Protein backbone atom coordinates (compact mmCIF):
# COMPACT_ATOMS: atom_id res chain seq x y z
CA MET A 1 24.35 41.31 2.86
CA THR A 2 22.61 39.90 5.96
CA VAL A 3 19.35 39.46 4.05
CA VAL A 4 21.12 37.38 1.41
CA LEU A 5 22.71 35.21 4.09
CA VAL A 6 19.32 34.62 5.77
CA ILE A 7 17.76 33.67 2.42
CA VAL A 8 20.60 31.24 1.62
CA VAL A 9 20.32 29.59 5.05
CA ALA A 10 16.54 29.33 4.71
CA LEU A 11 16.85 27.72 1.26
CA ALA A 12 19.47 25.29 2.55
CA LEU A 13 17.21 24.32 5.43
CA LEU A 14 14.30 23.84 3.04
CA ALA A 15 16.44 21.61 0.81
CA VAL A 16 17.47 19.47 3.79
CA LEU A 17 13.87 19.13 4.97
CA LEU A 18 12.67 18.13 1.49
CA ALA A 19 15.51 15.64 1.05
CA THR A 20 14.89 13.93 4.40
CA ARG A 21 11.10 13.73 4.39
CA PRO A 22 9.59 10.25 4.20
CA ARG A 23 8.61 9.15 0.73
CA ARG A 24 5.08 8.03 -0.01
CA VAL A 25 5.00 4.46 -1.16
CA PRO A 26 2.17 3.82 -3.59
CA LYS A 27 -0.30 1.16 -2.53
CA SER A 28 0.47 -2.05 -4.28
CA SER A 29 -2.37 -4.22 -5.39
CA PRO A 30 -2.37 -7.82 -4.29
CA ALA A 31 -1.32 -10.29 -6.97
CA GLY A 32 -3.08 -13.25 -8.56
CA LYS A 33 -5.98 -14.96 -6.85
CA ASN A 34 -5.48 -12.77 -3.78
CA ALA A 35 -6.19 -9.75 -5.96
CA GLU A 36 -9.49 -11.21 -7.10
CA LEU A 37 -10.56 -11.93 -3.53
CA HIS A 38 -9.43 -8.48 -2.40
CA TRP A 39 -11.43 -6.64 -5.06
CA GLU A 40 -14.45 -8.94 -4.67
CA ARG A 41 -14.60 -8.18 -0.94
CA LYS A 42 -14.34 -4.44 -1.58
CA ILE A 43 -17.08 -4.49 -4.25
CA LEU A 44 -19.37 -6.71 -2.19
CA SER A 45 -19.07 -4.29 0.71
CA GLN A 46 -20.03 -1.45 -1.63
CA THR A 47 -23.00 -3.34 -3.09
CA LEU A 48 -24.15 -4.63 0.32
CA GLY A 49 -23.35 -8.21 -0.68
CA ASN A 50 -25.12 -8.11 -4.05
CA ARG A 51 -22.99 -10.62 -5.97
CA GLY A 52 -25.31 -10.41 -9.00
CA ALA A 53 -24.65 -6.69 -9.37
CA MET A 54 -20.91 -7.32 -9.13
CA GLU A 55 -21.00 -10.06 -11.78
CA ARG A 56 -23.12 -7.92 -14.13
CA ALA A 57 -20.65 -5.07 -13.78
CA VAL A 58 -17.71 -7.40 -14.47
CA THR A 59 -19.49 -8.80 -17.54
CA ALA A 60 -20.13 -5.28 -18.83
CA LYS A 61 -16.46 -4.34 -18.36
CA ARG A 62 -15.35 -7.57 -20.07
CA ARG A 63 -17.16 -6.44 -23.25
CA ASN A 64 -14.87 -3.39 -23.39
CA TYR A 65 -11.72 -5.14 -22.15
CA PRO A 66 -11.88 -8.78 -23.33
CA ARG A 67 -8.21 -9.53 -22.57
CA ALA A 68 -8.17 -8.06 -19.05
CA SER A 69 -7.84 -10.40 -16.09
CA ARG A 70 -10.75 -10.81 -13.71
CA ALA A 71 -8.78 -8.99 -11.01
CA ASP A 72 -8.23 -6.03 -13.35
CA LEU A 73 -11.93 -5.97 -14.25
CA LEU A 74 -12.90 -6.07 -10.59
CA GLU A 75 -10.54 -3.19 -9.87
CA MET A 76 -12.10 -1.18 -12.72
CA VAL A 77 -15.58 -1.89 -11.36
CA HIS A 78 -14.48 -0.81 -7.88
CA ASP A 79 -12.95 2.40 -9.21
CA GLU A 80 -16.15 3.14 -11.12
CA TYR A 81 -18.27 2.64 -7.98
CA VAL A 82 -15.99 4.96 -6.02
CA ARG A 83 -16.05 7.59 -8.78
CA ASP A 84 -19.86 7.41 -9.03
CA ARG A 85 -20.25 7.63 -5.24
CA ASN A 86 -18.04 10.72 -5.12
CA ARG A 87 -20.10 12.47 -7.81
CA SER A 88 -23.33 12.42 -5.84
């Protein structure tokens, strides 16, 4: 009987801790022109300021996603750079 009571109290405590923990808020991307500038800065820092490489990557992505905004294309390029860097 005591073991059951200890288990119930432990589960109740766990439920309270889970219910009161801070929630993670997903990072929101900047909107509009700010988004373009944000992603351009991030890509240029990855490419050591090589704007030509960034523009070539955006052009290549635009072939696959012709209706995507420039900010979305820049984000895709950034994600690809990060993924490639993590592979090596």
